[in-house]
C-alpha atoms as a PDB file:
ATOM      1  CA  UNK A   1       4.118 -15.650 -42.457  1.00  0.00           C
ATOM      2  CA  UNK A   2       4.980 -15.620 -38.790  1.00  0.00           C
ATOM      3  CA  UNK A   3       6.136 -12.482 -37.107  1.00  0.00           C
ATOM      4  CA  UNK A   4       9.885 -12.061 -36.470  1.00  0.00           C
ATOM      5  CA  UNK A   5      11.471 -11.497 -33.205  1.00  0.00           C
ATOM      6  CA  UNK A   6      12.344  -7.959 -34.362  1.00  0.00           C
ATOM      7  CA  UNK A   7       8.629  -7.256 -35.192  1.00  0.00           C
ATOM      8  CA  UNK A   8       7.626  -8.382 -31.736  1.00  0.00           C
ATOM      9  CA  UNK A   9      10.265  -6.289 -30.066  1.00  0.00           C
ATOM     10  CA  UNK A  10       9.067  -3.352 -32.212  1.00  0.00           C
ATOM     11  CA  UNK A  11       5.588  -3.753 -30.849  1.00  0.00           C
ATOM     12  CA  UNK A  12       6.985  -3.571 -27.249  1.00  0.00           C
ATOM     13  CA  UNK A  13       8.739  -0.400 -28.028  1.00  0.00           C
ATOM     14  CA  UNK A  14       5.725   1.248 -29.534  1.00  0.00           C
ATOM     15  CA  UNK A  15       3.878   0.519 -26.278  1.00  0.00           C
ATOM     16  CA  UNK A  16       6.676   1.622 -24.043  1.00  0.00           C
ATOM     17  CA  UNK A  17       7.435   4.902 -26.008  1.00  0.00           C
ATOM     18  CA  UNK A  18       3.821   5.603 -26.746  1.00  0.00           C
ATOM     19  CA  UNK A  19       4.624   6.977 -30.277  1.00  0.00           C
ATOM     20  CA  UNK A  20       5.386   5.380 -33.571  1.00  0.00           C
ATOM     21  CA  UNK A  21       7.339   8.557 -34.456  1.00  0.00           C
ATOM     22  CA  UNK A  22       9.558   8.079 -31.412  1.00  0.00           C
ATOM     23  CA  UNK A  23      10.238   4.455 -32.295  1.00  0.00           C
ATOM     24  CA  UNK A  24      11.106   5.550 -35.870  1.00  0.00           C
ATOM     25  CA  UNK A  25      13.608   8.074 -34.495  1.00  0.00           C
ATOM     26  CA  UNK A  26      15.104   5.487 -32.198  1.00  0.00           C
ATOM     27  CA  UNK A  27      15.457   3.021 -35.032  1.00  0.00           C
ATOM     28  CA  UNK A  28      16.588   5.651 -37.530  1.00  0.00           C
ATOM     29  CA  UNK A  29      13.827   4.875 -40.025  1.00  0.00           C
ATOM     30  CA  UNK A  30      10.607   6.453 -41.350  1.00  0.00           C
ATOM     31  CA  UNK A  31       7.401   6.366 -39.263  1.00  0.00           C
ATOM     32  CA  UNK A  32       5.660   4.895 -42.310  1.00  0.00           C
ATOM     33  CA  UNK A  33       7.985   1.866 -42.082  1.00  0.00           C
ATOM     34  CA  UNK A  34       7.119   1.392 -38.405  1.00  0.00           C
ATOM     35  CA  UNK A  35       3.444   1.707 -39.230  1.00  0.00           C
ATOM     36  CA  UNK A  36       3.658  -0.917 -41.978  1.00  0.00           C
ATOM     37  CA  UNK A  37       5.384  -3.380 -39.723  1.00  0.00           C
ATOM     38  CA  UNK A  38       2.810  -2.869 -36.970  1.00  0.00           C
ATOM     39  CA  UNK A  39      -0.053  -3.296 -39.469  1.00  0.00           C
ATOM     40  CA  UNK A  40       1.338  -6.448 -40.745  1.00  0.00           C
ATOM     41  CA  UNK A  41       1.600  -7.819 -37.192  1.00  0.00           C
ATOM     42  CA  UNK A  42      -2.013  -6.825 -36.469  1.00  0.00           C
ATOM     43  CA  UNK A  43      -3.162  -8.416 -39.796  1.00  0.00           C
ATOM     44  CA  UNK A  44      -1.412 -11.694 -38.892  1.00  0.00           C
ATOM     45  CA  UNK A  45      -3.111 -11.746 -35.463  1.00  0.00           C
ATOM     46  CA  UNK A  46      -6.401 -10.411 -36.940  1.00  0.00           C
ATOM     47  CA  UNK A  47      -6.807  -7.893 -34.137  1.00  0.00           C
ATOM     48  CA  UNK A  48      -6.051  -4.231 -33.543  1.00  0.00           C
ATOM     49  CA  UNK A  49      -3.132  -3.878 -30.956  1.00  0.00           C
ATOM     50  CA  UNK A  50      -2.434  -0.061 -31.095  1.00  0.00           C
ATOM     51  CA  UNK A  51      -4.687   2.930 -31.360  1.00  0.00           C
ATOM     52  CA  UNK A  52      -2.893   5.540 -33.438  1.00  0.00           C
ATOM     53  CA  UNK A  53      -2.868   9.313 -33.370  1.00  0.00           C
ATOM     54  CA  UNK A  54      -0.531  11.944 -34.762  1.00  0.00           C
ATOM     55  CA  UNK A  55       0.866  12.626 -31.277  1.00  0.00           C
ATOM     56  CA  UNK A  56       0.464   9.500 -29.188  1.00  0.00           C
ATOM     57  CA  UNK A  57      -0.218   5.813 -29.721  1.00  0.00           C
ATOM     58  CA  UNK A  58      -1.560   3.552 -27.020  1.00  0.00           C
ATOM     59  CA  UNK A  59      -2.397  -0.193 -26.681  1.00  0.00           C
ATOM     60  CA  UNK A  60      -5.928  -1.488 -26.982  1.00  0.00           C
ATOM     61  CA  UNK A  61      -7.144  -3.738 -24.198  1.00  0.00           C
ATOM     62  CA  UNK A  62      -6.028  -6.774 -26.203  1.00  0.00           C
ATOM     63  CA  UNK A  63      -2.756  -4.942 -26.952  1.00  0.00           C
ATOM     64  CA  UNK A  64      -2.092  -4.459 -23.254  1.00  0.00           C
ATOM     65  CA  UNK A  65      -2.590  -8.178 -22.508  1.00  0.00           C
ATOM     66  CA  UNK A  66      -0.490  -9.139 -25.552  1.00  0.00           C
ATOM     67  CA  UNK A  67       2.252  -6.701 -24.414  1.00  0.00           C
ATOM     68  CA  UNK A  68       2.368  -8.078 -20.883  1.00  0.00           C
ATOM     69  CA  UNK A  69       2.569 -11.735 -21.834  1.00  0.00           C
ATOM     70  CA  UNK A  70       4.842 -11.077 -24.858  1.00  0.00           C
ATOM     71  CA  UNK A  71       7.414  -9.112 -22.666  1.00  0.00           C
ATOM     72  CA  UNK A  72       7.642 -12.020 -20.293  1.00  0.00           C
ATOM     73  CA  UNK A  73       8.223 -14.429 -23.201  1.00  0.00           C
ATOM     74  CA  UNK A  74      10.950 -12.387 -24.816  1.00  0.00           C
ATOM     75  CA  UNK A  75      12.630 -11.950 -21.489  1.00  0.00           C
ATOM     76  CA  UNK A  76      12.681 -15.688 -21.035  1.00  0.00           C
ATOM     77  CA  UNK A  77      14.320 -15.940 -24.477  1.00  0.00           C
ATOM     78  CA  UNK A  78      16.972 -13.432 -23.547  1.00  0.00           C
ATOM     79  CA  UNK A  79      17.611 -15.366 -20.324  1.00  0.00           C
ATOM     80  CA  UNK A  80      17.932 -18.518 -22.200  1.00  0.00           C
ATOM     81  CA  UNK A  81      20.422 -17.060 -24.680  1.00  0.00           C
ATOM     82  CA  UNK A  82      22.494 -15.591 -21.743  1.00  0.00           C
ATOM     83  CA  UNK A  83      22.603 -19.105 -20.147  1.00  0.00           C
ATOM     84  CA  UNK A  84      23.511 -20.827 -23.338  1.00  0.00           C
ATOM     85  CA  UNK A  85      26.202 -18.277 -24.345  1.00  0.00           C
ATOM     86  CA  UNK A  86      27.650 -18.015 -20.871  1.00  0.00           C
ATOM     87  CA  UNK A  87      26.852 -14.289 -20.566  1.00  0.00           C
ATOM     88  CA  UNK A  88      24.691 -14.595 -17.364  1.00  0.00           C
ATOM     89  CA  UNK A  89      27.195 -12.427 -15.452  1.00  0.00           C
ATOM     90  CA  UNK A  90      27.706  -9.806 -18.141  1.00  0.00           C
ATOM     91  CA  UNK A  91      25.273  -6.815 -18.034  1.00  0.00           C
ATOM     92  CA  UNK A  92      24.044  -6.181 -21.562  1.00  0.00           C
ATOM     93  CA  UNK A  93      20.958  -4.952 -23.417  1.00  0.00           C
ATOM     94  CA  UNK A  94      18.465  -2.199 -22.461  1.00  0.00           C
ATOM     95  CA  UNK A  95      18.064  -1.257 -18.836  1.00  0.00           C
ATOM     96  CA  UNK A  96      14.961   0.913 -18.189  1.00  0.00           C
ATOM     97  CA  UNK A  97      14.878   2.674 -14.807  1.00  0.00           C
ATOM     98  CA  UNK A  98      12.051   4.797 -13.286  1.00  0.00           C
ATOM     99  CA  UNK A  99      12.852   7.356 -10.540  1.00  0.00           C
ATOM    100  CA  UNK A 100      11.575  10.455  -8.897  1.00  0.00           C
ATOM    101  CA  UNK A 101      12.713  13.632 -10.854  1.00  0.00           C
ATOM    102  CA  UNK A 102      14.931  15.376  -8.489  1.00  0.00           C
ATOM    103  CA  UNK A 103      16.557  12.356  -6.891  1.00  0.00           C
ATOM    104  CA  UNK A 104      17.123  10.926 -10.328  1.00  0.00           C
ATOM    105  CA  UNK A 105      18.698  14.114 -11.649  1.00  0.00           C
ATOM    106  CA  UNK A 106      21.040  14.537  -8.774  1.00  0.00           C
ATOM    107  CA  UNK A 107      22.078  10.916  -8.198  1.00  0.00           C
ATOM    108  CA  UNK A 108      20.609   8.136 -10.402  1.00  0.00           C
ATOM    109  CA  UNK A 109      21.520   9.686 -13.683  1.00  0.00           C
ATOM    110  CA  UNK A 110      25.314  10.017 -12.894  1.00  0.00           C
ATOM    111  CA  UNK A 111      25.275   6.519 -11.304  1.00  0.00           C
ATOM    112  CA  UNK A 112      23.803   5.035 -14.454  1.00  0.00           C
ATOM    113  CA  UNK A 113      26.463   6.790 -16.473  1.00  0.00           C
ATOM    114  CA  UNK A 114      29.089   5.101 -14.247  1.00  0.00           C
ATOM    115  CA  UNK A 115      27.350   1.676 -14.707  1.00  0.00           C
ATOM    116  CA  UNK A 116      27.391   2.161 -18.461  1.00  0.00           C
ATOM    117  CA  UNK A 117      31.087   3.159 -18.358  1.00  0.00           C
ATOM    118  CA  UNK A 118      31.841  -0.116 -16.562  1.00  0.00           C
ATOM    119  CA  UNK A 119      29.530  -2.134 -18.821  1.00  0.00           C
ATOM    120  CA  UNK A 120      29.552  -0.601 -22.263  1.00  0.00           C
ATOM    121  CA  UNK A 121      27.267  -3.311 -23.594  1.00  0.00           C
ATOM    122  CA  UNK A 122      24.392  -1.674 -21.641  1.00  0.00           C
ATOM    123  CA  UNK A 123      21.864   0.661 -23.122  1.00  0.00           C
ATOM    124  CA  UNK A 124      20.207   2.998 -20.545  1.00  0.00           C
ATOM    125  CA  UNK A 125      16.848   4.627 -20.521  1.00  0.00           C
ATOM    126  CA  UNK A 126      16.075   6.712 -17.387  1.00  0.00           C
ATOM    127  CA  UNK A 127      12.366   7.787 -16.895  1.00  0.00           C
ATOM    128  CA  UNK A 128      12.056  10.641 -14.495  1.00  0.00           C
ATOM    129  CA  UNK A 129       8.581  10.871 -13.055  1.00  0.00           C
ATOM    130  CA  UNK A 130       7.300  11.900  -9.634  1.00  0.00           C
ATOM    131  CA  UNK A 131       4.271   9.552 -10.041  1.00  0.00           C
ATOM    132  CA  UNK A 132       4.518   5.851  -9.463  1.00  0.00           C
ATOM    133  CA  UNK A 133       4.427   3.871 -12.673  1.00  0.00           C
ATOM    134  CA  UNK A 134       3.474   0.257 -13.299  1.00  0.00           C
ATOM    135  CA  UNK A 135       6.543  -1.754 -13.952  1.00  0.00           C
ATOM    136  CA  UNK A 136       5.020  -4.360 -16.180  1.00  0.00           C
ATOM    137  CA  UNK A 137       2.879  -2.003 -18.277  1.00  0.00           C
ATOM    138  CA  UNK A 138       5.712   0.380 -18.846  1.00  0.00           C
ATOM    139  CA  UNK A 139       8.525  -2.164 -19.376  1.00  0.00           C
ATOM    140  CA  UNK A 140      10.513  -0.971 -16.360  1.00  0.00           C
ATOM    141  CA  UNK A 141      13.407  -3.108 -15.046  1.00  0.00           C
ATOM    142  CA  UNK A 142      14.037  -1.188 -11.806  1.00  0.00           C
ATOM    143  CA  UNK A 143      11.933   1.537 -10.126  1.00  0.00           C
ATOM    144  CA  UNK A 144      13.278   3.676  -7.217  1.00  0.00           C
ATOM    145  CA  UNK A 145      10.632   4.248  -4.606  1.00  0.00           C
ATOM    146  CA  UNK A 146      10.888   6.583  -1.589  1.00  0.00           C
ATOM    147  CA  UNK A 147       8.580   5.917   1.304  1.00  0.00           C
ATOM    148  CA  UNK A 148       6.564   3.025   2.539  1.00  0.00           C
ATOM    149  CA  UNK A 149       5.836   0.447  -0.093  1.00  0.00           C
ATOM    150  CA  UNK A 150       2.170  -0.362  -0.769  1.00  0.00           C
ATOM    151  CA  UNK A 151       2.607  -3.074  -3.457  1.00  0.00           C
ATOM    152  CA  UNK A 152       3.730  -6.175  -1.648  1.00  0.00           C
ATOM    153  CA  UNK A 153       3.604  -8.330  -4.891  1.00  0.00           C
ATOM    154  CA  UNK A 154       6.835  -6.728  -6.275  1.00  0.00           C
ATOM    155  CA  UNK A 155      10.375  -7.792  -5.411  1.00  0.00           C
ATOM    156  CA  UNK A 156      12.144  -5.072  -3.457  1.00  0.00           C
ATOM    157  CA  UNK A 157      15.597  -4.395  -2.232  1.00  0.00           C
ATOM    158  CA  UNK A 158      16.074  -1.911   0.681  1.00  0.00           C
ATOM    159  CA  UNK A 159      18.680   0.585  -0.286  1.00  0.00           C
ATOM    160  CA  UNK A 160      18.783   2.659   2.863  1.00  0.00           C
ATOM    161  CA  UNK A 161      16.803   5.407   4.679  1.00  0.00           C
ATOM    162  CA  UNK A 162      16.308   8.923   3.653  1.00  0.00           C
ATOM    163  CA  UNK A 163      16.975  11.467   6.474  1.00  0.00           C
ATOM    164  CA  UNK A 164      14.600  14.340   6.638  1.00  0.00           C
ATOM    165  CA  UNK A 165      14.594  17.913   7.963  1.00  0.00           C
ATOM    166  CA  UNK A 166      12.072  20.915   8.326  1.00  0.00           C
ATOM    167  CA  UNK A 167      12.956  23.951   6.465  1.00  0.00           C
ATOM    168  CA  UNK A 168      11.491  27.395   5.540  1.00  0.00           C
ATOM    169  CA  UNK A 169      12.772  30.476   3.683  1.00  0.00           C
ATOM    170  CA  UNK A 170      14.303  33.517   5.469  1.00  0.00           C
ATOM    171  CA  UNK A 171      11.429  35.465   3.743  1.00  0.00           C
ATOM    172  CA  UNK A 172       8.872  33.314   5.634  1.00  0.00           C
ATOM    173  CA  UNK A 173      10.516  34.070   9.052  1.00  0.00           C
ATOM    174  CA  UNK A 174      10.425  37.803   8.376  1.00  0.00           C
ATOM    175  CA  UNK A 175       6.687  37.439   8.861  1.00  0.00           C
ATOM    176  CA  UNK A 176       6.338  34.395  11.218  1.00  0.00           C
ATOM    177  CA  UNK A 177       8.054  33.370  14.312  1.00  0.00           C
ATOM    178  CA  UNK A 178      10.578  30.623  14.257  1.00  0.00           C
ATOM    179  CA  UNK A 179       9.187  27.397  15.957  1.00  0.00           C
ATOM    180  CA  UNK A 180      11.359  26.575  18.928  1.00  0.00           C
ATOM    181  CA  UNK A 181       9.309  23.558  20.173  1.00  0.00           C
ATOM    182  CA  UNK A 182       7.684  20.657  18.180  1.00  0.00           C
ATOM    183  CA  UNK A 183       4.194  21.947  19.385  1.00  0.00           C
ATOM    184  CA  UNK A 184       4.879  25.291  17.711  1.00  0.00           C
ATOM    185  CA  UNK A 185       4.955  23.585  14.363  1.00  0.00           C
ATOM    186  CA  UNK A 186       1.210  23.159  14.464  1.00  0.00           C
ATOM    187  CA  UNK A 187       0.854  26.974  14.280  1.00  0.00           C
ATOM    188  CA  UNK A 188       2.295  26.927  10.808  1.00  0.00           C
ATOM    189  CA  UNK A 189       1.289  25.474   7.430  1.00  0.00           C
ATOM    190  CA  UNK A 190       3.397  23.073   5.499  1.00  0.00           C
ATOM    191  CA  UNK A 191       3.867  22.832   1.731  1.00  0.00           C
ATOM    192  CA  UNK A 192       3.884  19.090   1.321  1.00  0.00           C
ATOM    193  CA  UNK A 193       4.993  16.601  -1.358  1.00  0.00           C
ATOM    194  CA  UNK A 194       1.694  15.055  -2.304  1.00  0.00           C
ATOM    195  CA  UNK A 195       2.581  11.596  -1.371  1.00  0.00           C
ATOM    196  CA  UNK A 196       3.067  12.932   2.197  1.00  0.00           C
ATOM    197  CA  UNK A 197      -0.538  14.116   2.419  1.00  0.00           C
ATOM    198  CA  UNK A 198      -1.771  10.940   4.169  1.00  0.00           C
ATOM    199  CA  UNK A 199      -0.777  10.502   6.854  1.00  0.00           C
ATOM    200  CA  UNK A 200       0.449  13.955   7.876  1.00  0.00           C
ATOM    201  CA  UNK A 201       1.944  13.021  11.321  1.00  0.00           C
ATOM    202  CA  UNK A 202       5.453  14.090  11.962  1.00  0.00           C
ATOM    203  CA  UNK A 203       7.432  12.123  14.687  1.00  0.00           C
ATOM    204  CA  UNK A 204      10.160  14.023  16.505  1.00  0.00           C
ATOM    205  CA  UNK A 205      12.538  12.856  19.219  1.00  0.00           C
ATOM    206  CA  UNK A 206      15.232  14.324  21.369  1.00  0.00           C
ATOM    207  CA  UNK A 207      16.861  11.921  23.625  1.00  0.00           C
ATOM    208  CA  UNK A 208      14.112  10.276  25.698  1.00  0.00           C
ATOM    209  CA  UNK A 209      11.478  12.835  24.603  1.00  0.00           C
ATOM    210  CA  UNK A 210       9.167  11.980  21.735  1.00  0.00           C
ATOM    211  CA  UNK A 211       6.556  14.099  20.126  1.00  0.00           C
ATOM    212  CA  UNK A 212       3.860  13.450  17.407  1.00  0.00           C
ATOM    213  CA  UNK A 213       2.835  16.520  15.500  1.00  0.00           C
ATOM    214  CA  UNK A 214       0.373  17.059  12.748  1.00  0.00           C
ATOM    215  CA  UNK A 215       1.610  18.909   9.658  1.00  0.00           C
ATOM    216  CA  UNK A 216      -1.242  21.259   8.782  1.00  0.00           C
ATOM    217  CA  UNK A 217      -1.217  21.933   4.974  1.00  0.00           C
ATOM    218  CA  UNK A 218      -3.225  23.903   2.416  1.00  0.00           C
ATOM    219  CA  UNK A 219      -0.815  23.248  -0.394  1.00  0.00           C
ATOM    220  CA  UNK A 220       0.554  19.970  -1.888  1.00  0.00           C
ATOM    221  CA  UNK A 221       2.752  19.583  -5.048  1.00  0.00           C
ATOM    222  CA  UNK A 222       4.005  16.487  -6.750  1.00  0.00           C
ATOM    223  CA  UNK A 223       7.327  18.015  -7.834  1.00  0.00           C
ATOM    224  CA  UNK A 224      10.270  18.980  -5.549  1.00  0.00           C
ATOM    225  CA  UNK A 225      11.424  21.793  -7.735  1.00  0.00           C
ATOM    226  CA  UNK A 226       8.006  23.440  -7.673  1.00  0.00           C
ATOM    227  CA  UNK A 227       7.837  23.062  -3.949  1.00  0.00           C
ATOM    228  CA  UNK A 228      11.107  24.799  -3.398  1.00  0.00           C
ATOM    229  CA  UNK A 229      10.055  27.661  -5.631  1.00  0.00           C
ATOM    230  CA  UNK A 230       6.929  28.377  -3.519  1.00  0.00           C
ATOM    231  CA  UNK A 231       8.696  27.690  -0.167  1.00  0.00           C
ATOM    232  CA  UNK A 232      11.459  30.230  -1.135  1.00  0.00           C
ATOM    233  CA  UNK A 233       8.683  32.773  -1.706  1.00  0.00           C
ATOM    234  CA  UNK A 234       7.472  32.323   1.926  1.00  0.00           C
ATOM    235  CA  UNK A 235       4.509  29.880   1.377  1.00  0.00           C
ATOM    236  CA  UNK A 236       5.305  27.845   4.468  1.00  0.00           C
ATOM    237  CA  UNK A 237       7.396  25.125   6.098  1.00  0.00           C
ATOM    238  CA  UNK A 238       8.537  22.095   4.136  1.00  0.00           C
ATOM    239  CA  UNK A 239       9.477  18.554   5.280  1.00  0.00           C
ATOM    240  CA  UNK A 240      12.432  17.803   2.990  1.00  0.00           C
ATOM    241  CA  UNK A 241      15.104  15.118   2.409  1.00  0.00           C
ATOM    242  CA  UNK A 242      18.533  16.269   3.794  1.00  0.00           C
ATOM    243  CA  UNK A 243      20.212  15.387   0.502  1.00  0.00           C
ATOM    244  CA  UNK A 244      18.000  17.975  -1.216  1.00  0.00           C
ATOM    245  CA  UNK A 245      19.069  20.609   1.353  1.00  0.00           C
ATOM    246  CA  UNK A 246      22.660  19.999   0.578  1.00  0.00           C
ATOM    247  CA  UNK A 247      21.977  21.063  -3.076  1.00  0.00           C
ATOM    248  CA  UNK A 248      19.388  23.778  -2.521  1.00  0.00           C
ATOM    249  CA  UNK A 249      19.659  25.595   0.920  1.00  0.00           C
ATOM    250  CA  UNK A 250      21.766  28.447  -0.345  1.00  0.00           C
ATOM    251  CA  UNK A 251      20.121  28.733  -3.734  1.00  0.00           C
ATOM    252  CA  UNK A 252      16.571  29.048  -2.165  1.00  0.00           C
ATOM    253  CA  UNK A 253      17.718  30.925   1.007  1.00  0.00           C
ATOM    254  CA  UNK A 254      16.433  28.161   3.342  1.00  0.00           C
ATOM    255  CA  UNK A 255      16.934  27.670   7.007  1.00  0.00           C
ATOM    256  CA  UNK A 256      16.456  24.526   9.074  1.00  0.00           C
ATOM    257  CA  UNK A 257      13.849  24.349  11.821  1.00  0.00           C
ATOM    258  CA  UNK A 258      14.403  22.396  15.065  1.00  0.00           C
ATOM    259  CA  UNK A 259      17.678  20.851  13.865  1.00  0.00           C
ATOM    260  CA  UNK A 260      18.343  19.147  17.231  1.00  0.00           C
ATOM    261  CA  UNK A 261      15.173  17.060  16.942  1.00  0.00           C
ATOM    262  CA  UNK A 262      15.324  13.698  14.933  1.00  0.00           C
ATOM    263  CA  UNK A 263      12.530  13.389  12.469  1.00  0.00           C
ATOM    264  CA  UNK A 264      10.869  10.569  10.472  1.00  0.00           C
ATOM    265  CA  UNK A 265      13.073   8.758   7.978  1.00  0.00           C
ATOM    266  CA  UNK A 266      11.800   7.391   4.673  1.00  0.00           C
ATOM    267  CA  UNK A 267      13.022   4.060   3.341  1.00  0.00           C
ATOM    268  CA  UNK A 268      14.361   3.933  -0.178  1.00  0.00           C
ATOM    269  CA  UNK A 269      13.730   0.735  -2.194  1.00  0.00           C
ATOM    270  CA  UNK A 270      14.602  -0.640  -5.564  1.00  0.00           C
ATOM    271  CA  UNK A 271      11.551  -2.439  -7.043  1.00  0.00           C
ATOM    272  CA  UNK A 272      12.168  -4.986  -9.875  1.00  0.00           C
ATOM    273  CA  UNK A 273      10.649  -7.878 -11.681  1.00  0.00           C
ATOM    274  CA  UNK A 274      12.132 -11.371 -11.907  1.00  0.00           C
ATOM    275  CA  UNK A 275      11.284 -14.159 -14.194  1.00  0.00           C
ATOM    276  CA  UNK A 276       8.824 -16.841 -13.178  1.00  0.00           C
ATOM    277  CA  UNK A 277      11.720 -19.007 -12.153  1.00  0.00           C
ATOM    278  CA  UNK A 278      13.293 -16.250 -10.065  1.00  0.00           C
ATOM    279  CA  UNK A 279      16.119 -15.389 -12.509  1.00  0.00           C
ATOM    280  CA  UNK A 280      17.373 -11.826 -12.244  1.00  0.00           C
ATOM    281  CA  UNK A 281      19.098 -10.492 -15.386  1.00  0.00           C
ATOM    282  CA  UNK A 282      22.789  -9.490 -14.998  1.00  0.00           C
ATOM    283  CA  UNK A 283      21.913  -5.840 -15.946  1.00  0.00           C
ATOM    284  CA  UNK A 284      19.424  -5.585 -13.061  1.00  0.00           C
ATOM    285  CA  UNK A 285      21.697  -7.284 -10.596  1.00  0.00           C
ATOM    286  CA  UNK A 286      24.567  -4.958 -11.517  1.00  0.00           C
ATOM    287  CA  UNK A 287      22.429  -1.775 -11.187  1.00  0.00           C
ATOM    288  CA  UNK A 288      20.952  -2.819  -7.819  1.00  0.00           C
ATOM    289  CA  UNK A 289      24.409  -3.646  -6.390  1.00  0.00           C
ATOM    290  CA  UNK A 290      25.569  -0.244  -7.512  1.00  0.00           C
ATOM    291  CA  UNK A 291      22.603   1.387  -5.842  1.00  0.00           C
ATOM    292  CA  UNK A 292      23.321  -0.355  -2.526  1.00  0.00           C
ATOM    293  CA  UNK A 293      26.929   0.852  -2.664  1.00  0.00           C
ATOM    294  CA  UNK A 294      26.238   4.399  -3.689  1.00  0.00           C
ATOM    295  CA  UNK A 295      23.307   5.045  -1.435  1.00  0.00           C
ATOM    296  CA  UNK A 296      25.837   5.096   1.433  1.00  0.00           C
ATOM    297  CA  UNK A 297      27.297   8.240  -0.097  1.00  0.00           C
ATOM    298  CA  UNK A 298      24.039  10.220  -0.137  1.00  0.00           C
ATOM    299  CA  UNK A 299      24.167  13.031   2.495  1.00  0.00           C
ATOM    300  CA  UNK A 300      22.541  12.141   5.818  1.00  0.00           C
END
């Protein structure tokens, strides 16, 4: 007996959630039922697709390959159904979005809520992660990336530029002098977000004057909340997005350094996957359009 579309979609969700138990919760059934359906699929294919454990499940090498090709095929089927039914302009189905934790919490989550309110046929899954994730392997429709893009193979939409500032806590300046020139910054240590570790050059300009300063660092963290905690305790300077300061300056007792000097900006992109024929699902188009509009409201 051939596998049903539901069984194939079930396999995709097991890979994406990494847990048979989580899939069972999502589908409001027993884990044993999910396990039986997966076993039946593996028996039909005569190969092991998923390595199981009590906590996590992950695809075998063959399972990864099957997942990647199967996801493309099922997306093509969804596209065909949309075209035939005339729903190509109506956002429906599951939209999976990946985004850095703090930016996602402050902005992307409420924006997605707005999108779902407008299009109630959408299901939303927001994955907050400060590490870059593979869109294909993780079944991501749209990933928000801050900074220079390294993967030129992905489709990307430039959403805007993130304005930056240099800050430190008042506690820090009780023990250290406030930098009054760009050169004075090199006498201090920065607590850096880890994706800024290379390169660590800071470009500043004031009118016709431009300076290039190295950000010396002994401490790098991959989470903005953790950075703010140590910076508030006097660990050093931090090169931070201005939107973050709007939310956290008072809470963490931060002050801005060299506010009259313009600093590097970091581009913000939406990465996404299209079909082989370049078709972009309505749910993805709608979300990206909303991102372009709402990014204009992020504090500069």
